[in-house]
C-alpha cells in the first residue's frame, strides 16, 4: 500500500475507528457502484446496438417482402404506399428501391432532416419465387438508440444511487417498498416485453422515476399493440388491393396467375386435374363505341356479378384482361366444365344489361393435362375461345388436346 494511504488511514484511526469504517465502506461502495454502473452501461449499450441491428435487419426484410407485389406488377404507386407507411418510422432517413426486372429506380425517398452523425445502412433483396426482382436499401439514423442509451443510463444511475443510499442508511424495508418491489414489477414488465407477451397490462399510479419508466413502458406496450393491429390491417388491405380488379371486384390477373400455379402444383402432386374457362364478351368494343366507356364499365361490372353468382364457392373467377375473364375450377372434368360454361352462358344471355340490353359471351374450356405448362393450357383455351367466335359467338367450345 502506498505511504500516502497508510498515513491517511493512520490519521483516521487516531480520530475515530467508526469514521474510518464508514469512510472505508463509502469509498468501497462508491468504487464498486461506479465500476458496476460503468460495466452495466457498457453491457446495455452492446445489447441495445445488437437489438437495434436485429430490428433493422428484420424491418428491412419485412419491407422487402411487401414490395414483391408492387415490383412484380410494376406498380410504383403501390410501392409508394408501402414506403409511405414505413417512412412514418422516425429512424428511417432514406429508402431506395431498385427494380432489377426493368433496370430502373422504382421508388426513392430521402429525408435529410432525419440524418444523424452515425447512420446505419441495410440492404435486402426483393425475392419472388426465389429470384431477385429488386433491391432495397434503407438508411437509419441513431436517434432512437442514442435516446435509449441516455434513458437507460439515467435509470442505471438512479438504481445504483438508490441502492447505495439504502445500504448506507440500513433501510431495507423502506427501500424494498420504494425501490425493490417497483423494480421487480418493472423487471416483470420488461420481461413481458422481451417475451412478446403484450397482453398483460401494468398499472402505475406513482410519479416517481420508476413509475414514470413503468408508465412509459405501459404506454409503449399499448402503442406497440395498436401498431401491430394497424400493420396487420394494412397488410391485409394491401393484399386485397394487390389481388383485386378495381373495376369489377373480381380477382385480377396477378391472383389468377397465382391460382393457376397453385392448382398446377396440386394437380401434379395429388393427380387431381382442374379446369379453366376463358370467356370473352361478344362485340364489347361496339358497346364502348356506341354508348361510351362509362356504359362499358357498367356492363363489365354487371357481367362480373353474373359470373360470380354462376360459379361455385371453390371456383376462382377473375378478370383476365379487358373484356376477357377466366374461371378456374378445382378437381374438375370435361363434362362438369361444359355444364358450368353453359350455365354461365345462359345466365348471361338471360340478363338485361343496363343501357345496352341483351349481351352474349363466347367461351372456351379445357382441363389441365399431366405436366402441362400453364402457358400451353391457356393457349388451348384461347384456341377454343376463338373457335367459338368463328362459329358465330354465344357458344361453348372445348379446347383441343
Protein backbone atom coordinates (compact mmCIF):
# COMPACT_ATOMS: atom_id res chain seq x y z
CA UNK A 1 0.00 0.00 0.00
CA UNK A 2 1.35 3.46 -0.83
CA UNK A 3 2.70 5.56 2.01
CA UNK A 4 0.04 8.28 1.48
CA UNK A 5 -2.82 5.77 2.05
CA UNK A 6 -1.11 4.42 5.20
CA UNK A 7 -0.75 7.92 6.58
CA UNK A 8 -4.42 8.77 5.82
CA UNK A 9 -5.75 5.60 7.48
CA UNK A 10 -3.49 6.12 10.50
CA UNK A 11 -4.81 9.66 10.98
CA UNK A 12 -8.41 8.43 10.64
CA UNK A 13 -7.82 5.61 13.12
CA UNK A 14 -6.49 8.07 15.62
CA UNK A 15 -9.53 10.26 15.15
CA UNK A 16 -12.29 7.63 15.01
CA UNK A 17 -12.42 3.93 14.09
CA UNK A 18 -16.11 4.31 13.29
CA UNK A 19 -15.45 7.19 10.93
CA UNK A 20 -12.69 5.15 9.28
CA UNK A 21 -15.01 2.18 8.73
CA UNK A 22 -17.77 4.41 7.42
CA UNK A 23 -15.38 6.20 5.10
CA UNK A 24 -13.87 2.89 4.01
CA UNK A 25 -17.33 1.46 3.35
CA UNK A 26 -18.34 4.59 1.47
CA UNK A 27 -15.19 4.50 -0.67
CA UNK A 28 -15.63 0.75 -1.30
CA UNK A 29 -19.28 1.19 -2.21
CA UNK A 30 -18.54 4.19 -4.42
CA UNK A 31 -15.82 2.29 -6.27
CA UNK A 32 -17.98 -0.83 -6.54
CA UNK A 33 -21.04 1.04 -7.75
CA UNK A 34 -19.05 3.23 -10.14
CA UNK A 35 -17.42 0.17 -11.68
CA UNK A 36 -20.70 -1.75 -11.63
CA UNK A 37 -22.51 1.18 -13.22
CA UNK A 38 -19.90 1.56 -15.93
CA UNK A 39 -19.99 -2.19 -16.66
CA UNK A 40 -23.81 -2.23 -16.77
CA UNK A 41 -23.89 0.72 -19.15
CA UNK A 42 -21.30 -0.94 -21.38
CA UNK A 43 -23.29 -4.21 -21.47
CA UNK A 44 -26.51 -2.26 -22.04
CA UNK A 45 -25.03 -0.30 -24.93
CA UNK A 46 -23.80 -3.51 -26.52
CA UNK A 47 -27.22 -5.11 -26.15
CA UNK A 48 -29.05 -2.04 -27.46
CA UNK A 49 -26.81 -1.91 -30.52
CA UNK A 50 -27.32 -5.64 -31.09
CA UNK A 51 -31.10 -5.32 -30.67
CA UNK A 52 -31.21 -2.28 -32.94
CA UNK A 53 -29.17 -4.13 -35.55
CA UNK A 54 -31.60 -7.06 -35.42
CA UNK A 55 -34.55 -4.67 -35.57
CA UNK A 56 -33.13 -3.01 -38.71
CA UNK A 57 -32.47 -6.37 -40.37
CA UNK A 58 -35.99 -7.63 -39.65
CA UNK A 59 -37.68 -4.36 -40.66
CA UNK A 60 -35.70 -4.20 -43.93
CA UNK A 61 -36.64 -7.81 -44.69
CA UNK A 62 -40.33 -7.16 -43.98
CA UNK A 63 -40.32 -4.08 -46.22
CA UNK A 64 -38.64 -6.12 -48.98
CA UNK A 65 -41.38 -8.75 -48.69
CA UNK A 66 -44.14 -6.13 -49.01
CA UNK A 67 -42.51 -4.79 -52.20
CA UNK A 68 -42.75 -8.10 -54.07
CA UNK A 69 -46.23 -7.42 -55.47
CA UNK A 70 -45.69 -3.75 -56.43
CA UNK A 71 -42.41 -4.54 -58.26
CA UNK A 72 -43.69 -7.70 -59.95
CA UNK A 73 -46.81 -5.82 -61.09
CA UNK A 74 -44.77 -2.73 -61.95
CA UNK A 75 -46.92 -0.55 -59.71
CA UNK A 76 -44.83 2.35 -58.33
CA UNK A 77 -47.98 3.75 -56.75
CA UNK A 78 -48.47 0.61 -54.65
CA UNK A 79 -44.75 0.68 -53.85
CA UNK A 80 -45.00 4.27 -52.71
CA UNK A 81 -47.97 3.40 -50.49
CA UNK A 82 -45.82 0.75 -48.81
CA UNK A 83 -42.93 3.19 -48.44
CA UNK A 84 -45.24 5.93 -47.10
CA UNK A 85 -46.26 3.57 -44.28
CA UNK A 86 -42.65 2.67 -43.49
CA UNK A 87 -41.33 6.22 -43.57
CA UNK A 88 -43.50 7.04 -40.55
CA UNK A 89 -40.74 5.37 -38.55
CA UNK A 90 -38.58 8.33 -37.39
CA UNK A 91 -35.47 6.13 -37.56
CA UNK A 92 -35.65 5.95 -41.36
CA UNK A 93 -33.56 8.53 -43.23
CA UNK A 94 -33.59 7.21 -46.80
CA UNK A 95 -35.40 4.46 -48.71
CA UNK A 96 -34.26 3.39 -52.14
CA UNK A 97 -35.94 0.62 -54.15
CA UNK A 98 -34.37 -0.53 -57.40
CA UNK A 99 -36.33 -2.60 -59.93
CA UNK A 100 -33.94 -5.24 -61.34
CA UNK A 101 -36.54 -6.53 -63.79
CA UNK A 102 -36.82 -3.19 -65.58
CA UNK A 103 -33.33 -1.98 -64.58
CA UNK A 104 -34.59 1.28 -63.11
CA UNK A 105 -35.17 3.13 -59.89
CA UNK A 106 -38.58 2.09 -58.56
CA UNK A 107 -39.05 4.36 -55.53
CA UNK A 108 -36.62 6.64 -53.72
CA UNK A 109 -37.44 8.77 -50.70
CA UNK A 110 -34.81 10.81 -48.85
CA UNK A 111 -35.41 12.66 -45.57
CA UNK A 112 -32.17 14.55 -44.86
CA UNK A 113 -33.70 16.31 -41.85
CA UNK A 114 -33.59 12.98 -40.01
CA UNK A 115 -29.88 12.41 -40.66
CA UNK A 116 -27.56 11.91 -37.68
CA UNK A 117 -23.83 11.77 -37.05
CA UNK A 118 -23.88 7.99 -37.08
CA UNK A 119 -26.03 6.18 -39.62
CA UNK A 120 -26.68 2.53 -40.44
CA UNK A 121 -27.26 1.12 -43.90
CA UNK A 122 -29.19 -2.10 -44.54
CA UNK A 123 -29.78 -3.94 -47.79
CA UNK A 124 -32.26 -6.65 -48.77
CA UNK A 125 -33.12 -8.40 -51.99
CA UNK A 126 -36.75 -8.39 -53.14
CA UNK A 127 -37.37 -12.04 -53.98
CA UNK A 128 -40.22 -13.63 -55.89
CA UNK A 129 -40.23 -17.41 -56.16
CA UNK A 130 -36.55 -17.49 -55.23
CA UNK A 131 -35.48 -14.96 -57.86
CA UNK A 132 -34.28 -11.42 -57.21
CA UNK A 133 -36.62 -8.89 -58.83
CA UNK A 134 -35.41 -5.83 -56.96
CA UNK A 135 -33.15 -4.44 -54.26
CA UNK A 136 -33.99 -2.41 -51.19
CA UNK A 137 -31.63 -0.03 -49.42
CA UNK A 138 -32.65 1.70 -46.17
CA UNK A 139 -30.51 4.15 -44.19
CA UNK A 140 -31.35 4.54 -40.50
CA UNK A 141 -30.26 7.19 -38.01
CA UNK A 142 -29.12 6.63 -34.42
CA UNK A 143 -31.63 8.92 -32.70
CA UNK A 144 -33.60 6.16 -31.02
CA UNK A 145 -30.63 4.17 -29.78
CA UNK A 146 -28.95 7.35 -28.51
CA UNK A 147 -32.08 8.25 -26.59
CA UNK A 148 -32.44 4.70 -25.27
CA UNK A 149 -28.85 4.67 -24.07
CA UNK A 150 -29.26 8.05 -22.36
CA UNK A 151 -32.56 7.00 -20.77
CA UNK A 152 -31.17 3.69 -19.55
CA UNK A 153 -28.03 5.41 -18.27
CA UNK A 154 -30.22 7.61 -16.11
CA UNK A 155 -32.16 4.59 -14.92
CA UNK A 156 -28.99 2.68 -14.03
CA UNK A 157 -27.57 5.68 -12.18
CA UNK A 158 -30.83 6.04 -10.27
CA UNK A 159 -30.90 2.36 -9.31
CA UNK A 160 -27.27 2.26 -8.18
CA UNK A 161 -27.64 5.52 -6.28
CA UNK A 162 -30.80 4.30 -4.53
CA UNK A 163 -29.21 1.01 -3.53
CA UNK A 164 -26.13 2.88 -2.33
CA UNK A 165 -28.19 5.16 -0.05
CA UNK A 166 -30.27 2.23 1.21
CA UNK A 167 -27.08 0.34 2.15
CA UNK A 168 -25.65 3.34 3.99
CA UNK A 169 -28.83 4.08 5.89
CA UNK A 170 -29.71 0.41 6.55
CA UNK A 171 -33.28 0.99 5.48
CA UNK A 172 -34.01 -2.21 3.63
CA UNK A 173 -37.79 -2.32 4.45
CA UNK A 174 -38.22 1.22 3.19
CA UNK A 175 -36.12 0.62 0.07
CA UNK A 176 -37.99 -2.62 -0.52
CA UNK A 177 -41.24 -0.67 -0.79
CA UNK A 178 -39.82 2.30 -2.64
CA UNK A 179 -37.35 0.60 -4.97
CA UNK A 180 -37.11 -3.19 -4.94
CA UNK A 181 -40.79 -4.04 -5.38
CA UNK A 182 -41.30 -1.47 -8.14
CA UNK A 183 -38.12 -2.75 -9.78
CA UNK A 184 -39.48 -6.29 -9.68
CA UNK A 185 -42.66 -5.05 -11.26
CA UNK A 186 -40.67 -3.13 -13.85
CA UNK A 187 -38.49 -6.17 -14.46
CA UNK A 188 -41.56 -8.36 -14.99
CA UNK A 189 -42.94 -5.73 -17.32
CA UNK A 190 -39.68 -5.67 -19.25
CA UNK A 191 -39.61 -9.48 -19.30
CA UNK A 192 -43.09 -9.47 -20.80
CA UNK A 193 -41.76 -7.13 -23.50
CA UNK A 194 -38.80 -9.42 -24.09
CA UNK A 195 -41.09 -12.44 -24.38
CA UNK A 196 -43.54 -10.53 -26.62
CA UNK A 197 -46.28 -11.01 -24.02
CA UNK A 198 -48.02 -7.73 -24.72
CA UNK A 199 -51.46 -8.77 -23.47
CA UNK A 200 -50.61 -8.27 -19.78
CA UNK A 201 -51.13 -4.62 -18.68
CA UNK A 202 -49.24 -2.97 -15.81
CA UNK A 203 -50.75 -0.31 -13.57
CA UNK A 204 -48.52 2.54 -12.35
CA UNK A 205 -50.01 5.24 -10.15
CA UNK A 206 -46.94 6.96 -8.72
CA UNK A 207 -45.00 9.88 -10.12
CA UNK A 208 -41.53 8.66 -9.09
CA UNK A 209 -38.88 7.84 -11.65
CA UNK A 210 -39.54 4.09 -11.71
CA UNK A 211 -43.28 4.67 -12.05
CA UNK A 212 -42.58 7.07 -14.91
CA UNK A 213 -40.45 4.39 -16.60
CA UNK A 214 -43.20 1.84 -15.95
CA UNK A 215 -45.82 4.21 -17.35
CA UNK A 216 -43.59 4.78 -20.37
CA UNK A 217 -43.25 1.02 -20.91
CA UNK A 218 -47.00 0.59 -20.47
CA UNK A 219 -47.60 3.38 -22.97
CA UNK A 220 -45.10 1.73 -25.32
CA UNK A 221 -46.85 -1.63 -24.87
CA UNK A 222 -50.19 -0.05 -25.77
CA UNK A 223 -48.68 1.75 -28.76
CA UNK A 224 -46.96 -1.41 -29.99
CA UNK A 225 -50.21 -3.38 -29.79
CA UNK A 226 -52.02 -0.67 -31.75
CA UNK A 227 -49.17 -0.57 -34.29
CA UNK A 228 -49.26 -4.35 -34.72
CA UNK A 229 -53.02 -4.26 -35.28
CA UNK A 230 -52.66 -1.38 -37.72
CA UNK A 231 -49.87 -3.12 -39.65
CA UNK A 232 -51.91 -6.33 -39.80
CA UNK A 233 -54.91 -4.41 -41.12
CA UNK A 234 -52.76 -2.56 -43.65
CA UNK A 235 -51.07 -5.76 -44.70
CA UNK A 236 -54.45 -7.40 -45.32
CA UNK A 237 -55.66 -4.31 -47.15
CA UNK A 238 -52.54 -4.25 -49.36
CA UNK A 239 -53.00 -7.95 -50.09
CA UNK A 240 -56.62 -7.44 -51.11
CA UNK A 241 -55.73 -4.42 -53.25
CA UNK A 242 -52.92 -6.29 -54.98
CA UNK A 243 -55.18 -9.23 -55.86
CA UNK A 244 -58.43 -7.47 -56.80
CA UNK A 245 -59.54 -5.84 -60.04
CA UNK A 246 -60.67 -2.36 -59.02
CA UNK A 247 -63.50 -2.08 -61.54
CA UNK A 248 -65.20 -5.47 -61.31
CA UNK A 249 -64.28 -6.54 -57.79
CA UNK A 250 -63.15 -9.94 -59.13
CA UNK A 251 -59.62 -11.19 -58.65
CA UNK A 252 -57.07 -9.73 -61.05
CA UNK A 253 -54.53 -11.26 -63.45
CA UNK A 254 -51.89 -11.48 -60.73
CA UNK A 255 -54.17 -13.51 -58.44
CA UNK A 256 -55.29 -15.68 -61.34
CA UNK A 257 -51.66 -16.48 -62.16
CA UNK A 258 -51.04 -17.45 -58.53
CA UNK A 259 -54.15 -19.66 -58.50
CA UNK A 260 -53.20 -21.33 -61.78
CA UNK A 261 -49.72 -22.18 -60.49
CA UNK A 262 -51.13 -23.40 -57.18
CA UNK A 263 -53.68 -25.64 -58.91
CA UNK A 264 -51.00 -26.98 -61.26
CA UNK A 265 -48.80 -27.92 -58.29
CA UNK A 266 -51.74 -29.60 -56.58
CA UNK A 267 -52.68 -31.46 -59.75
CA UNK A 268 -49.14 -32.77 -60.20
CA UNK A 269 -48.89 -33.82 -56.56
CA UNK A 270 -52.33 -35.39 -55.99
CA UNK A 271 -53.29 -36.22 -59.60
CA UNK A 272 -56.45 -34.12 -59.38
CA UNK A 273 -56.83 -32.08 -62.59
CA UNK A 274 -58.51 -28.71 -62.66
CA UNK A 275 -60.39 -26.95 -65.42
CA UNK A 276 -60.45 -23.45 -66.83
CA UNK A 277 -62.95 -21.45 -68.86
CA UNK A 278 -61.78 -18.49 -70.93
CA UNK A 279 -64.63 -16.04 -71.60
CA UNK A 280 -64.96 -13.07 -73.92
CA UNK A 281 -67.91 -10.66 -74.05
CA UNK A 282 -69.17 -10.61 -77.63
CA UNK A 283 -68.93 -7.30 -79.51
CA UNK A 284 -67.87 -5.47 -76.38
CA UNK A 285 -65.93 -2.90 -78.40
CA UNK A 286 -69.20 -1.85 -80.00
CA UNK A 287 -70.60 -1.09 -76.56
CA UNK A 288 -67.77 1.34 -75.86
CA UNK A 289 -68.02 2.87 -79.33
CA UNK A 290 -71.81 3.30 -79.26
CA UNK A 291 -72.54 4.05 -75.60
CA UNK A 292 -69.23 5.22 -74.19
CA UNK A 293 -66.76 3.75 -71.75
CA UNK A 294 -68.94 4.54 -68.74
CA UNK A 295 -71.67 2.20 -70.01
CA UNK A 296 -68.99 -0.28 -70.99
CA UNK A 297 -67.70 -0.27 -67.41
CA UNK A 298 -71.24 -0.84 -66.11
CA UNK A 299 -71.57 -3.84 -68.43
CA UNK A 300 -68.31 -5.28 -67.10
CA UNK A 301 -69.47 -4.77 -63.52
CA UNK A 302 -72.88 -6.35 -64.14
CA UNK A 303 -71.32 -9.23 -66.07
CA UNK A 304 -68.86 -9.85 -63.22
CA UNK A 305 -71.78 -10.15 -60.81
CA UNK A 306 -73.47 -12.71 -63.06
CA UNK A 307 -70.20 -14.62 -63.42
CA UNK A 308 -69.63 -14.67 -59.67
CA UNK A 309 -73.12 -15.92 -58.89
CA UNK A 310 -72.88 -18.59 -61.60
CA UNK A 311 -69.73 -20.24 -60.23
CA UNK A 312 -69.11 -22.40 -57.21
CA UNK A 313 -67.60 -21.06 -53.99
CA UNK A 314 -64.49 -23.14 -54.67
CA UNK A 315 -64.06 -21.67 -58.16
CA UNK A 316 -61.84 -18.67 -58.80
CA UNK A 317 -63.38 -16.16 -61.21
CA UNK A 318 -61.31 -13.20 -62.33
CA UNK A 319 -60.65 -10.61 -64.98
CA UNK A 320 -58.02 -11.87 -67.38
CA UNK A 321 -57.75 -8.57 -69.26
CA UNK A 322 -60.07 -6.10 -70.98
CA UNK A 323 -63.33 -7.91 -71.66
CA UNK A 324 -61.78 -11.36 -71.17
CA UNK A 325 -62.42 -13.33 -67.99
CA UNK A 326 -61.11 -16.61 -66.61
CA UNK A 327 -62.70 -19.21 -64.33
CA UNK A 328 -60.56 -21.80 -62.53
CA UNK A 329 -62.39 -24.88 -61.21
CA UNK A 330 -60.52 -27.26 -58.87
CA UNK A 331 -60.94 -31.03 -59.23
CA UNK A 332 -62.89 -30.77 -62.49
CA UNK A 333 -63.63 -32.95 -65.51
CA UNK A 334 -64.67 -32.11 -69.07
CA UNK A 335 -68.36 -32.85 -68.52
CA UNK A 336 -68.50 -30.69 -65.43
CA UNK A 337 -66.64 -27.86 -67.15
CA UNK A 338 -69.06 -27.91 -70.07
CA UNK A 339 -72.03 -27.81 -67.68
CA UNK A 340 -70.52 -24.85 -65.81
CA UNK A 341 -69.68 -23.00 -69.03
CA UNK A 342 -73.23 -23.48 -70.34
CA UNK A 343 -74.66 -22.25 -67.05
CA UNK A 344 -72.59 -19.08 -67.29
CA UNK A 345 -73.52 -18.55 -70.93
CA UNK A 346 -77.26 -18.97 -70.40
CA UNK A 347 -77.27 -16.78 -67.29
CA UNK A 348 -75.52 -14.01 -69.19
CA UNK A 349 -77.84 -14.39 -72.16
CA UNK A 350 -80.85 -14.07 -69.84
CA UNK A 351 -79.54 -10.86 -68.27
CA UNK A 352 -80.67 -7.42 -69.34
CA UNK A 353 -77.65 -5.14 -69.11
CA UNK A 354 -78.38 -1.55 -68.11
CA UNK A 355 -78.36 0.81 -71.08
CA UNK A 356 -77.45 -1.97 -73.51
CA UNK A 357 -79.95 -4.79 -73.22
CA UNK A 358 -79.00 -8.36 -74.01
CA UNK A 359 -75.36 -9.39 -74.36
CA UNK A 360 -73.79 -12.74 -75.15
CA UNK A 361 -70.45 -14.35 -74.48
CA UNK A 362 -68.14 -16.85 -76.13
CA UNK A 363 -66.42 -19.49 -74.01
CA UNK A 364 -63.54 -21.91 -74.45
CA UNK A 365 -62.92 -24.56 -71.82
CA UNK A 366 -60.47 -27.37 -71.07
CA UNK A 367 -58.90 -29.29 -68.21
CA UNK A 368 -55.27 -29.46 -67.13
CA UNK A 369 -53.21 -32.25 -68.65
CA UNK A 370 -50.40 -34.04 -66.84
CA UNK A 371 -47.17 -31.99 -66.64
CA UNK A 372 -48.66 -29.33 -68.89
CA UNK A 373 -47.24 -25.82 -68.77
CA UNK A 374 -49.69 -23.13 -67.73
CA UNK A 375 -48.96 -21.14 -70.89
CA UNK A 376 -49.92 -24.15 -73.01
CA UNK A 377 -53.11 -24.67 -71.01
CA UNK A 378 -54.14 -21.05 -71.57
CA UNK A 379 -53.20 -21.27 -75.24
CA UNK A 380 -55.51 -24.26 -75.74
CA UNK A 381 -58.40 -22.48 -74.02
CA UNK A 382 -57.69 -19.41 -76.18
CA UNK A 383 -57.88 -21.52 -79.35
CA UNK A 384 -61.26 -22.86 -78.21
CA UNK A 385 -62.47 -19.32 -77.47
CA UNK A 386 -61.59 -18.11 -80.97
CA UNK A 387 -63.26 -21.17 -82.48
CA UNK A 388 -66.41 -20.21 -80.55
CA UNK A 389 -66.22 -16.74 -82.09
CA UNK A 390 -65.75 -18.20 -85.56
CA UNK A 391 -68.87 -20.34 -85.03
CA UNK A 392 -70.96 -17.23 -84.59
CA UNK A 393 -70.32 -16.44 -80.91
CA UNK A 394 -72.67 -17.13 -77.95
CA UNK A 395 -71.48 -20.73 -77.69
CA UNK A 396 -69.18 -23.05 -75.72
CA UNK A 397 -66.26 -24.86 -77.36
CA UNK A 398 -63.94 -27.45 -75.82
CA UNK A 399 -60.22 -26.91 -76.37
CA UNK A 400 -58.17 -29.38 -78.42
CA UNK A 401 -55.69 -31.69 -76.67
